[in-house]
PDB file of N, CA and C in Angstrom:
ATOM      1  N   MET A   1      49.847  61.338 379.129  1.00  0.00           N
ATOM      2  CA  MET A   1      49.944  60.841 377.535  1.00  0.00           C
ATOM      3  C   MET A   1      49.240  59.024 377.500  1.00  0.00           C
ATOM      4  N   ARG A   2      48.547  59.257 376.054  1.00  0.00           N
ATOM      5  CA  ARG A   2      48.111  57.798 375.712  1.00  0.00           C
ATOM      6  C   ARG A   2      49.105  57.558 374.335  1.00  0.00           C
ATOM      7  N   TYR A   3      49.173  56.076 374.672  1.00  0.00           N
ATOM      8  CA  TYR A   3      50.140  55.347 373.628  1.00  0.00           C
ATOM      9  C   TYR A   3      49.298  54.296 373.041  1.00  0.00           C
ATOM     10  N   CYS A   4      49.049  53.859 371.723  1.00  0.00           N
ATOM     11  CA  CYS A   4      48.586  52.379 371.310  1.00  0.00           C
ATOM     12  C   CYS A   4      49.107  51.619 370.749  1.00  0.00           C
ATOM     13  N   LEU A   5      49.646  50.305 370.669  1.00  0.00           N
ATOM     14  CA  LEU A   5      50.458  49.749 370.310  1.00  0.00           C
ATOM     15  C   LEU A   5      49.742  48.579 369.589  1.00  0.00           C
ATOM     16  N   ALA A   6      50.384  47.888 368.753  1.00  0.00           N
ATOM     17  CA  ALA A   6      50.243  46.386 368.000  1.00  0.00           C
ATOM     18  C   ALA A   6      51.124  45.312 368.266  1.00  0.00           C
ATOM     19  N   LEU A   7      50.601  44.301 368.322  1.00  0.00           N
ATOM     20  CA  LEU A   7      51.423  43.414 367.948  1.00  0.00           C
ATOM     21  C   LEU A   7      50.855  42.265 367.754  1.00  0.00           C
ATOM     22  N   ASP A   8      51.282  40.911 367.124  1.00  0.00           N
ATOM     23  CA  ASP A   8      50.554  40.045 366.759  1.00  0.00           C
ATOM     24  C   ASP A   8      50.942  39.078 367.819  1.00  0.00           C
ATOM     25  N   LEU A   9      50.013  37.567 367.586  1.00  0.00           N
ATOM     26  CA  LEU A   9      50.429  36.480 368.426  1.00  0.00           C
ATOM     27  C   LEU A   9      50.255  35.284 367.281  1.00  0.00           C
ATOM     28  N   LYS A  10      51.154  34.476 367.345  1.00  0.00           N
ATOM     29  CA  LYS A  10      51.355  33.203 366.695  1.00  0.00           C
ATOM     30  C   LYS A  10      49.953  32.254 366.222  1.00  0.00           C
ATOM     31  N   LYS A  11      49.471  32.507 365.178  1.00  0.00           N
ATOM     32  CA  LYS A  11      47.972  31.561 364.661  1.00  0.00           C
ATOM     33  C   LYS A  11      48.083  30.460 365.109  1.00  0.00           C
ATOM     34  N   ASP A  12      47.815  30.019 366.618  1.00  0.00           N
ATOM     35  CA  ASP A  12      47.970  29.024 366.827  1.00  0.00           C
ATOM     36  C   ASP A  12      46.675  28.968 368.122  1.00  0.00           C
ATOM     37  N   ALA A  13      45.470  28.749 368.240  1.00  0.00           N
ATOM     38  CA  ALA A  13      44.221  28.398 369.045  1.00  0.00           C
ATOM     39  C   ALA A  13      44.694  28.283 370.735  1.00  0.00           C
ATOM     40  N   THR A  14      45.428  27.031 370.842  1.00  0.00           N
ATOM     41  CA  THR A  14      46.335  26.480 371.848  1.00  0.00           C
ATOM     42  C   THR A  14      47.337  28.077 372.668  1.00  0.00           C
ATOM     43  N   LEU A  15      48.025  28.429 371.758  1.00  0.00           N
ATOM     44  CA  LEU A  15      49.059  29.192 372.348  1.00  0.00           C
ATOM     45  C   LEU A  15      48.372  30.665 372.478  1.00  0.00           C
ATOM     46  N   ILE A  16      47.238  30.814 371.637  1.00  0.00           N
ATOM     47  CA  ILE A  16      46.483  32.536 371.991  1.00  0.00           C
ATOM     48  C   ILE A  16      45.632  32.056 373.127  1.00  0.00           C
ATOM     49  N   ALA A  17      45.556  30.799 373.571  1.00  0.00           N
ATOM     50  CA  ALA A  17      44.420  30.483 375.067  1.00  0.00           C
ATOM     51  C   ALA A  17      45.545  30.740 375.974  1.00  0.00           C
ATOM     52  N   GLU A  18      46.637  30.190 375.747  1.00  0.00           N
ATOM     53  CA  GLU A  18      47.777  30.132 377.016  1.00  0.00           C
ATOM     54  C   GLU A  18      48.049  31.791 377.239  1.00  0.00           C
ATOM     55  N   TYR A  19      48.458  32.303 376.236  1.00  0.00           N
ATOM     56  CA  TYR A  19      48.990  33.660 376.338  1.00  0.00           C
ATOM     57  C   TYR A  19      47.814  34.532 377.287  1.00  0.00           C
ATOM     58  N   GLU A  20      46.842  34.359 376.966  1.00  0.00           N
ATOM     59  CA  GLU A  20      45.315  34.993 377.280  1.00  0.00           C
ATOM     60  C   GLU A  20      45.594  34.630 379.240  1.00  0.00           C
ATOM     61  N   LYS A  21      45.693  32.961 379.504  1.00  0.00           N
ATOM     62  CA  LYS A  21      45.781  32.762 380.778  1.00  0.00           C
ATOM     63  C   LYS A  21      46.876  33.349 381.479  1.00  0.00           C
ATOM     64  N   TYR A  22      47.877  33.483 380.878  1.00  0.00           N
ATOM     65  CA  TYR A  22      48.992  34.508 381.486  1.00  0.00           C
ATOM     66  C   TYR A  22      48.694  35.678 381.641  1.00  0.00           C
ATOM     67  N   HIS A  23      47.885  36.298 380.941  1.00  0.00           N
ATOM     68  CA  HIS A  23      47.622  37.850 381.525  1.00  0.00           C
ATOM     69  C   HIS A  23      46.174  37.967 382.117  1.00  0.00           C
ATOM     70  N   ARG A  24      45.622  36.938 382.750  1.00  0.00           N
ATOM     71  CA  ARG A  24      44.630  37.152 383.770  1.00  0.00           C
ATOM     72  C   ARG A  24      45.273  37.022 384.774  1.00  0.00           C
ATOM     73  N   ASP A  25      46.474  36.098 385.706  1.00  0.00           N
ATOM     74  CA  ASP A  25      47.535  36.225 386.430  1.00  0.00           C
ATOM     75  C   ASP A  25      48.572  36.917 386.186  1.00  0.00           C
ATOM     76  N   VAL A  26      48.829  38.295 385.501  1.00  0.00           N
ATOM     77  CA  VAL A  26      50.032  38.957 385.762  1.00  0.00           C
ATOM     78  C   VAL A  26      51.162  38.916 386.830  1.00  0.00           C
ATOM     79  N   TRP A  27      52.188  38.358 386.364  1.00  0.00           N
ATOM     80  CA  TRP A  27      53.064  38.296 387.843  1.00  0.00           C
ATOM     81  C   TRP A  27      53.162  39.894 388.618  1.00  0.00           C
ATOM     82  N   PRO A  28      53.137  39.526 390.030  1.00  0.00           N
ATOM     83  CA  PRO A  28      53.082  40.783 390.766  1.00  0.00           C
ATOM     84  C   PRO A  28      54.001  41.529 389.999  1.00  0.00           C
ATOM     85  N   ALA A  29      55.434  41.051 389.881  1.00  0.00           N
ATOM     86  CA  ALA A  29      56.482  41.414 389.575  1.00  0.00           C
ATOM     87  C   ALA A  29      56.889  42.279 388.355  1.00  0.00           C
ATOM     88  N   ILE A  30      55.638  41.926 387.412  1.00  0.00           N
ATOM     89  CA  ILE A  30      55.240  42.832 386.318  1.00  0.00           C
ATOM     90  C   ILE A  30      54.915  43.534 386.306  1.00  0.00           C
ATOM     91  N   LYS A  31      53.167  43.825 386.956  1.00  0.00           N
ATOM     92  CA  LYS A  31      52.637  44.728 387.331  1.00  0.00           C
ATOM     93  C   LYS A  31      53.723  46.192 388.594  1.00  0.00           C
ATOM     94  N   ASN A  32      54.365  45.940 389.021  1.00  0.00           N
ATOM     95  CA  ASN A  32      54.952  46.765 389.736  1.00  0.00           C
ATOM     96  C   ASN A  32      56.033  47.562 388.886  1.00  0.00           C
ATOM     97  N   SER A  33      57.113  46.848 387.761  1.00  0.00           N
ATOM     98  CA  SER A  33      57.686  47.023 386.858  1.00  0.00           C
ATOM     99  C   SER A  33      56.807  48.229 385.798  1.00  0.00           C
ATOM    100  N   ILE A  34      55.356  47.849 385.780  1.00  0.00           N
ATOM    101  CA  ILE A  34      54.725  48.972 384.334  1.00  0.00           C
ATOM    102  C   ILE A  34      54.234  50.169 385.253  1.00  0.00           C
ATOM    103  N   HIS A  35      53.881  49.578 386.596  1.00  0.00           N
ATOM    104  CA  HIS A  35      53.645  50.991 387.108  1.00  0.00           C
ATOM    105  C   HIS A  35      55.040  51.801 387.699  1.00  0.00           C
ATOM    106  N   ASP A  36      55.888  51.309 387.784  1.00  0.00           N
ATOM    107  CA  ASP A  36      57.143  52.032 388.190  1.00  0.00           C
ATOM    108  C   ASP A  36      57.664  52.759 387.222  1.00  0.00           C
ATOM    109  N   GLY A  37      57.608  52.192 385.924  1.00  0.00           N
ATOM    110  CA  GLY A  37      58.208  52.959 384.633  1.00  0.00           C
ATOM    111  C   GLY A  37      57.391  54.022 384.108  1.00  0.00           C
ATOM    112  N   GLY A  38      56.190  53.928 385.314  1.00  0.00           N
ATOM    113  CA  GLY A  38      55.733  55.340 384.976  1.00  0.00           C
ATOM    114  C   GLY A  38      54.297  55.286 383.910  1.00  0.00           C
ATOM    115  N   ILE A  39      53.973  53.853 384.067  1.00  0.00           N
ATOM    116  CA  ILE A  39      52.191  53.683 383.485  1.00  0.00           C
ATOM    117  C   ILE A  39      51.378  53.917 384.244  1.00  0.00           C
ATOM    118  N   VAL A  40      50.235  54.283 384.230  1.00  0.00           N
ATOM    119  CA  VAL A  40      49.305  54.563 385.147  1.00  0.00           C
ATOM    120  C   VAL A  40      48.300  53.759 385.003  1.00  0.00           C
ATOM    121  N   ASP A  41      47.909  53.174 383.490  1.00  0.00           N
ATOM    122  CA  ASP A  41      46.672  52.067 383.367  1.00  0.00           C
ATOM    123  C   ASP A  41      47.255  51.520 381.738  1.00  0.00           C
ATOM    124  N   MET A  42      46.958  50.354 381.759  1.00  0.00           N
ATOM    125  CA  MET A  42      47.386  49.518 380.389  1.00  0.00           C
ATOM    126  C   MET A  42      45.978  48.400 380.287  1.00  0.00           C
ATOM    127  N   GLU A  43      45.747  48.281 378.943  1.00  0.00           N
ATOM    128  CA  GLU A  43      44.510  47.531 378.247  1.00  0.00           C
ATOM    129  C   GLU A  43      45.034  47.007 377.547  1.00  0.00           C
ATOM    130  N   ILE A  44      44.774  45.733 377.110  1.00  0.00           N
ATOM    131  CA  ILE A  44      44.909  44.923 376.140  1.00  0.00           C
ATOM    132  C   ILE A  44      43.700  44.565 375.544  1.00  0.00           C
ATOM    133  N   TYR A  45      43.678  44.484 374.000  1.00  0.00           N
ATOM    134  CA  TYR A  45      42.664  43.918 373.187  1.00  0.00           C
ATOM    135  C   TYR A  45      43.395  42.987 372.224  1.00  0.00           C
ATOM    136  N   ARG A  46      42.357  41.841 372.337  1.00  0.00           N
ATOM    137  CA  ARG A  46      42.535  40.674 370.958  1.00  0.00           C
ATOM    138  C   ARG A  46      41.619  41.016 369.942  1.00  0.00           C
ATOM    139  N   LEU A  47      41.939  40.912 368.659  1.00  0.00           N
ATOM    140  CA  LEU A  47      41.089  40.269 367.842  1.00  0.00           C
ATOM    141  C   LEU A  47      41.814  39.330 366.734  1.00  0.00           C
ATOM    142  N   GLU A  48      41.619  38.073 367.067  1.00  0.00           N
ATOM    143  CA  GLU A  48      42.076  36.840 366.416  1.00  0.00           C
ATOM    144  C   GLU A  48      43.111  37.088 366.847  1.00  0.00           C
ATOM    145  N   ASP A  49      44.719  37.252 365.944  1.00  0.00           N
ATOM    146  CA  ASP A  49      45.865  37.066 366.800  1.00  0.00           C
ATOM    147  C   ASP A  49      46.589  38.515 366.776  1.00  0.00           C
ATOM    148  N   ARG A  50      45.452  39.518 366.481  1.00  0.00           N
ATOM    149  CA  ARG A  50      46.055  40.444 366.613  1.00  0.00           C
ATOM    150  C   ARG A  50      45.768  41.411 367.813  1.00  0.00           C
ATOM    151  N   LEU A  51      46.760  41.948 368.341  1.00  0.00           N
ATOM    152  CA  LEU A  51      46.615  42.562 369.956  1.00  0.00           C
ATOM    153  C   LEU A  51      46.861  43.859 369.923  1.00  0.00           C
ATOM    154  N   PHE A  52      45.975  44.680 370.669  1.00  0.00           N
ATOM    155  CA  PHE A  52      45.620  45.812 370.790  1.00  0.00           C
ATOM    156  C   PHE A  52      46.399  46.609 372.053  1.00  0.00           C
ATOM    157  N   MET A  53      47.092  47.175 372.567  1.00  0.00           N
ATOM    158  CA  MET A  53      47.318  47.766 373.835  1.00  0.00           C
ATOM    159  C   MET A  53      47.143  49.701 373.900  1.00  0.00           C
ATOM    160  N   ILE A  54      46.478  49.736 375.028  1.00  0.00           N
ATOM    161  CA  ILE A  54      46.228  51.547 375.365  1.00  0.00           C
ATOM    162  C   ILE A  54      46.958  51.394 376.833  1.00  0.00           C
ATOM    163  N   MET A  55      48.084  52.558 376.626  1.00  0.00           N
ATOM    164  CA  MET A  55      48.793  52.701 377.876  1.00  0.00           C
ATOM    165  C   MET A  55      48.037  54.185 378.116  1.00  0.00           C
ATOM    166  N   GLU A  56      47.941  54.756 378.934  1.00  0.00           N
ATOM    167  CA  GLU A  56      47.858  56.029 379.612  1.00  0.00           C
ATOM    168  C   GLU A  56      49.006  55.894 380.577  1.00  0.00           C
ATOM    169  N   THR A  57      49.869  57.327 380.610  1.00  0.00           N
ATOM    170  CA  THR A  57      51.244  57.392 381.315  1.00  0.00           C
ATOM    171  C   THR A  57      51.380  58.646 381.933  1.00  0.00           C
ATOM    172  N   LYS A  58      52.048  58.783 382.889  1.00  0.00           N
ATOM    173  CA  LYS A  58      52.345  60.134 383.281  1.00  0.00           C
ATOM    174  C   LYS A  58      53.074  60.700 382.125  1.00  0.00           C
ATOM    175  N   PRO A  59      53.563  62.213 382.545  1.00  0.00           N
ATOM    176  CA  PRO A  59      53.919  62.986 381.552  1.00  0.00           C
ATOM    177  C   PRO A  59      55.134  62.941 381.406  1.00  0.00           C
ATOM    178  N   ASP A  60      56.165  62.182 382.412  1.00  0.00           N
ATOM    179  CA  ASP A  60      57.621  62.103 382.325  1.00  0.00           C
ATOM    180  C   ASP A  60      57.907  61.013 381.720  1.00  0.00           C
ATOM    181  N   PHE A  61      56.894  59.899 381.513  1.00  0.00           N
ATOM    182  CA  PHE A  61      57.129  58.990 380.354  1.00  0.00           C
ATOM    183  C   PHE A  61      57.781  58.440 379.354  1.00  0.00           C
ATOM    184  N   SER A  62      58.837  57.680 379.187  1.00  0.00           N
ATOM    185  CA  SER A  62      59.553  57.684 377.811  1.00  0.00           C
ATOM    186  C   SER A  62      59.681  56.181 377.631  1.00  0.00           C
ATOM    187  N   PHE A  63      59.765  55.627 376.491  1.00  0.00           N
ATOM    188  CA  PHE A  63      60.003  54.037 376.239  1.00  0.00           C
ATOM    189  C   PHE A  63      61.352  53.658 376.251  1.00  0.00           C
ATOM    190  N   GLU A  64      62.250  54.984 376.167  1.00  0.00           N
ATOM    191  CA  GLU A  64      63.713  54.497 376.594  1.00  0.00           C
ATOM    192  C   GLU A  64      63.950  54.436 378.021  1.00  0.00           C
ATOM    193  N   LYS A  65      63.347  55.070 378.629  1.00  0.00           N
ATOM    194  CA  LYS A  65      63.680  54.639 380.412  1.00  0.00           C
ATOM    195  C   LYS A  65      63.392  53.816 380.705  1.00  0.00           C
ATOM    196  N   LYS A  66      61.924  53.367 380.059  1.00  0.00           N
ATOM    197  CA  LYS A  66      60.924  51.997 380.779  1.00  0.00           C
ATOM    198  C   LYS A  66      61.839  50.685 379.912  1.00  0.00           C
ATOM    199  N   GLY A  67      62.428  50.989 378.716  1.00  0.00           N
ATOM    200  CA  GLY A  67      63.204  49.680 378.132  1.00  0.00           C
ATOM    201  C   GLY A  67      64.701  49.645 379.188  1.00  0.00           C
ATOM    202  N   ALA A  68      65.342  50.754 379.612  1.00  0.00           N
ATOM    203  CA  ALA A  68      66.651  50.641 380.392  1.00  0.00           C
ATOM    204  C   ALA A  68      66.006  50.092 381.559  1.00  0.00           C
ATOM    205  N   MET A  69      64.561  50.267 381.938  1.00  0.00           N
ATOM    206  CA  MET A  69      64.550  49.378 383.249  1.00  0.00           C
ATOM    207  C   MET A  69      64.297  48.377 383.540  1.00  0.00           C
ATOM    208  N   ASP A  70      63.723  47.988 381.953  1.00  0.00           N
ATOM    209  CA  ASP A  70      63.508  46.612 381.913  1.00  0.00           C
ATOM    210  C   ASP A  70      64.470  45.595 381.795  1.00  0.00           C
ATOM    211  N   ALA A  71      65.238  46.128 380.747  1.00  0.00           N
ATOM    212  CA  ALA A  71      66.339  45.330 380.858  1.00  0.00           C
ATOM    213  C   ALA A  71      67.474  45.147 381.821  1.00  0.00           C
ATOM    214  N   ALA A  72      67.404  45.898 382.663  1.00  0.00           N
ATOM    215  CA  ALA A  72      67.695  45.576 384.208  1.00  0.00           C
ATOM    216  C   ALA A  72      67.341  44.779 385.114  1.00  0.00           C
ATOM    217  N   ASN A  73      65.757  44.585 384.565  1.00  0.00           N
ATOM    218  CA  ASN A  73      65.091  43.695 385.766  1.00  0.00           C
ATOM    219  C   ASN A  73      64.905  42.266 385.164  1.00  0.00           C
ATOM    220  N   PRO A  74      65.506  41.390 385.936  1.00  0.00           N
ATOM    221  CA  PRO A  74      65.809  39.695 385.429  1.00  0.00           C
ATOM    222  C   PRO A  74      64.445  39.260 384.991  1.00  0.00           C
ATOM    223  N   GLU A  75      63.149  39.579 386.310  1.00  0.00           N
ATOM    224  CA  GLU A  75      62.172  39.080 386.417  1.00  0.00           C
ATOM    225  C   GLU A  75      61.267  39.842 385.139  1.00  0.00           C
ATOM    226  N   VAL A  76      61.184  40.955 384.805  1.00  0.00           N
ATOM    227  CA  VAL A  76      60.924  41.454 383.239  1.00  0.00           C
ATOM    228  C   VAL A  76      61.490  40.745 382.428  1.00  0.00           C
ATOM    229  N   GLN A  77      62.711  40.429 382.172  1.00  0.00           N
ATOM    230  CA  GLN A  77      63.085  39.506 381.125  1.00  0.00           C
ATOM    231  C   GLN A  77      63.028  38.161 381.095  1.00  0.00           C
ATOM    232  N   ARG A  78      62.802  37.406 382.532  1.00  0.00           N
ATOM    233  CA  ARG A  78      62.252  36.353 382.266  1.00  0.00           C
ATOM    234  C   ARG A  78      60.586  36.248 381.494  1.00  0.00           C
ATOM    235  N   TRP A  79      59.821  37.367 381.619  1.00  0.00           N
ATOM    236  CA  TRP A  79      58.502  37.434 381.715  1.00  0.00           C
ATOM    237  C   TRP A  79      58.507  37.371 379.856  1.00  0.00           C
ATOM    238  N   GLU A  80      59.499  38.761 379.722  1.00  0.00           N
ATOM    239  CA  GLU A  80      59.494  38.912 377.958  1.00  0.00           C
ATOM    240  C   GLU A  80      60.066  37.816 377.443  1.00  0.00           C
ATOM    241  N   GLU A  81      61.072  36.769 377.639  1.00  0.00           N
ATOM    242  CA  GLU A  81      61.117  35.801 376.871  1.00  0.00           C
ATOM    243  C   GLU A  81      60.370  34.474 377.125  1.00  0.00           C
ATOM    244  N   LEU A  82      59.305  34.747 377.798  1.00  0.00           N
ATOM    245  CA  LEU A  82      58.134  33.917 378.024  1.00  0.00           C
ATOM    246  C   LEU A  82      57.120  34.088 377.407  1.00  0.00           C
ATOM    247  N   MET A  83      57.099  35.452 377.279  1.00  0.00           N
ATOM    248  CA  MET A  83      55.834  36.024 376.111  1.00  0.00           C
ATOM    249  C   MET A  83      56.321  36.007 374.549  1.00  0.00           C
ATOM    250  N   TRP A  84      57.610  35.709 374.379  1.00  0.00           N
ATOM    251  CA  TRP A  84      57.944  35.613 372.689  1.00  0.00           C
ATOM    252  C   TRP A  84      57.684  34.285 372.427  1.00  0.00           C
ATOM    253  N   GLN A  85      57.382  33.491 372.783  1.00  0.00           N
ATOM    254  CA  GLN A  85      57.105  32.127 372.331  1.00  0.00           C
ATOM    255  C   GLN A  85      55.500  32.057 371.968  1.00  0.00           C
ATOM    256  N   PHE A  86      54.767  33.292 372.114  1.00  0.00           N
ATOM    257  CA  PHE A  86      53.312  33.310 372.043  1.00  0.00           C
ATOM    258  C   PHE A  86      53.301  34.428 370.743  1.00  0.00           C
ATOM    259  N   GLN A  87      54.101  35.134 370.875  1.00  0.00           N
ATOM    260  CA  GLN A  87      54.072  36.488 370.154  1.00  0.00           C
ATOM    261  C   GLN A  87      54.884  36.023 368.513  1.00  0.00           C
ATOM    262  N   SER A  88      54.503  37.063 367.585  1.00  0.00           N
ATOM    263  CA  SER A  88      55.056  37.601 366.300  1.00  0.00           C
ATOM    264  C   SER A  88      55.025  38.665 366.227  1.00  0.00           C
ATOM    265  N   PRO A  89      56.243  39.133 365.656  1.00  0.00           N
ATOM    266  CA  PRO A  89      56.488  40.880 365.173  1.00  0.00           C
ATOM    267  C   PRO A  89      55.042  41.055 364.271  1.00  0.00           C
ATOM    268  N   VAL A  90      54.895  42.275 364.289  1.00  0.00           N
ATOM    269  CA  VAL A  90      54.099  43.078 363.228  1.00  0.00           C
ATOM    270  C   VAL A  90      55.009  43.182 361.900  1.00  0.00           C
ATOM    271  N   PRO A  91      54.476  42.842 360.667  1.00  0.00           N
ATOM    272  CA  PRO A  91      54.987  43.218 359.441  1.00  0.00           C
ATOM    273  C   PRO A  91      55.459  44.413 359.677  1.00  0.00           C
ATOM    274  N   GLY A  92      56.566  44.996 358.864  1.00  0.00           N
ATOM    275  CA  GLY A  92      57.138  45.868 358.905  1.00  0.00           C
ATOM    276  C   GLY A  92      58.156  46.698 359.881  1.00  0.00           C
ATOM    277  N   GLY A  93      58.374  45.747 360.901  1.00  0.00           N
ATOM    278  CA  GLY A  93      58.702  46.297 362.342  1.00  0.00           C
ATOM    279  C   GLY A  93      60.286  45.789 362.029  1.00  0.00           C
ATOM    280  N   LYS A  94      61.480  46.251 362.847  1.00  0.00           N
ATOM    281  CA  LYS A  94      62.585  46.020 363.163  1.00  0.00           C
ATOM    282  C   LYS A  94      62.951  44.531 363.394  1.00  0.00           C
ATOM    283  N   PRO A  95      64.139  43.832 363.125  1.00  0.00           N
ATOM    284  CA  PRO A  95      64.097  42.582 363.946  1.00  0.00           C
ATOM    285  C   PRO A  95      63.952  42.949 365.146  1.00  0.00           C
ATOM    286  N   GLY A  96      63.661  41.744 365.913  1.00  0.00           N
ATOM    287  CA  GLY A  96      63.069  41.820 367.192  1.00  0.00           C
ATOM    288  C   GLY A  96      61.849  42.801 367.970  1.00  0.00           C
ATOM    289  N   GLU A  97      61.738  43.306 367.144  1.00  0.00           N
ATOM    290  CA  GLU A  97      61.061  44.418 367.681  1.00  0.00           C
ATOM    291  C   GLU A  97      59.335  43.925 368.147  1.00  0.00           C
ATOM    292  N   LYS A  98      58.644  44.158 369.351  1.00  0.00           N
ATOM    293  CA  LYS A  98      57.435  43.698 369.579  1.00  0.00           C
ATOM    294  C   LYS A  98      56.757  44.429 369.295  1.00  0.00           C
ATOM    295  N   TRP A  99      56.118  45.058 370.031  1.00  0.00           N
ATOM    296  CA  TRP A  99      55.422  46.123 370.200  1.00  0.00           C
ATOM    297  C   TRP A  99      55.652  46.972 369.622  1.00  0.00           C
ATOM    298  N   ARG A 100      54.571  47.743 368.693  1.00  0.00           N
ATOM    299  CA  ARG A 100      54.544  49.348 367.773  1.00  0.00           C
ATOM    300  C   ARG A 100      53.629  49.952 368.147  1.00  0.00           C
ATOM    301  N   VAL A 101      54.303  51.163 368.363  1.00  0.00           N
ATOM    302  CA  VAL A 101      53.562  52.237 368.430  1.00  0.00           C
ATOM    303  C   VAL A 101      52.643  52.474 366.985  1.00  0.00           C
ATOM    304  N   MET A 102      51.511  52.842 367.144  1.00  0.00           N
ATOM    305  CA  MET A 102      50.509  53.355 366.128  1.00  0.00           C
ATOM    306  C   MET A 102      49.977  54.571 366.144  1.00  0.00           C
ATOM    307  N   ASP A 103      50.215  55.216 364.952  1.00  0.00           N
ATOM    308  CA  ASP A 103      49.848  56.546 364.730  1.00  0.00           C
ATOM    309  C   ASP A 103      48.684  56.785 364.922  1.00  0.00           C
ATOM    310  N   ARG A 104      47.795  57.577 365.775  1.00  0.00           N
ATOM    311  CA  ARG A 104      46.493  58.327 365.617  1.00  0.00           C
ATOM    312  C   ARG A 104      45.865  58.789 364.220  1.00  0.00           C
ATOM    313  N   ILE A 105      45.217  58.527 363.766  1.00  0.00           N
ATOM    314  CA  ILE A 105      44.726  59.161 362.826  1.00  0.00           C
ATOM    315  C   ILE A 105      43.137  60.044 362.629  1.00  0.00           C
ATOM    316  N   PHE A 106      42.557  59.592 364.024  1.00  0.00           N
ATOM    317  CA  PHE A 106      41.137  60.064 363.904  1.00  0.00           C
ATOM    318  C   PHE A 106      40.945  60.375 365.060  1.00  0.00           C
ATOM    319  N   SER A 107      40.378  61.577 365.704  1.00  0.00           N
ATOM    320  CA  SER A 107      39.744  61.630 366.912  1.00  0.00           C
ATOM    321  C   SER A 107      38.624  62.724 366.740  1.00  0.00           C
ATOM    322  N   LEU A 108      37.695  62.236 367.411  1.00  0.00           N
ATOM    323  CA  LEU A 108      36.301  62.903 367.401  1.00  0.00           C
ATOM    324  C   LEU A 108      36.473  64.149 368.336  1.00  0.00           C
ATOM    325  N   ASN A 109      37.080  64.010 369.309  1.00  0.00           N
ATOM    326  CA  ASN A 109      36.899  65.631 370.119  1.00  0.00           C
ATOM    327  C   ASN A 109      38.016  66.392 369.723  1.00  0.00           C
ATOM    328  N   GLN A 110      38.640  65.897 368.752  1.00  0.00           N
ATOM    329  CA  GLN A 110      39.847  66.925 368.442  1.00  0.00           C
ATOM    330  C   GLN A 110      39.817  67.378 367.295  1.00  0.00           C
ATOM    331  N   THR A 111      40.214  68.704 366.667  1.00  0.00           N
ATOM    332  CA  THR A 111      39.972  69.332 365.527  1.00  0.00           C
ATOM    333  C   THR A 111      41.088  69.410 364.862  1.00  0.00           C
ATOM    334  N   THR A 112      42.672  69.379 365.605  1.00  0.00           N
ATOM    335  CA  THR A 112      43.558  69.426 365.077  1.00  0.00           C
ATOM    336  C   THR A 112      44.713  68.079 365.113  1.00  0.00           C
TER     337      THR A 112
END
């Protein structure tokens, strides 16, 4: 499965640079948590203060299961708390919601 998500960063060049620095050297425990949660590959792209994440997952992946795993992992909670200082919720989200799943509206190779 492929999921695409969006998130904003705070409009501050210094904070954005620091956020990117953390992502050049993601903690091993975070990478392990991503893989253990059923995510096969993940990429994050940035346009100014908007982030776009592409996740490739195993067929049995669920956001609920991954969320429960993350909530029980102190290292992931520490990372999320650290990252929140750089991030801003995307307009229209629920309170405290970070990454929001995007709807696909076009596929070149799929007709339905």
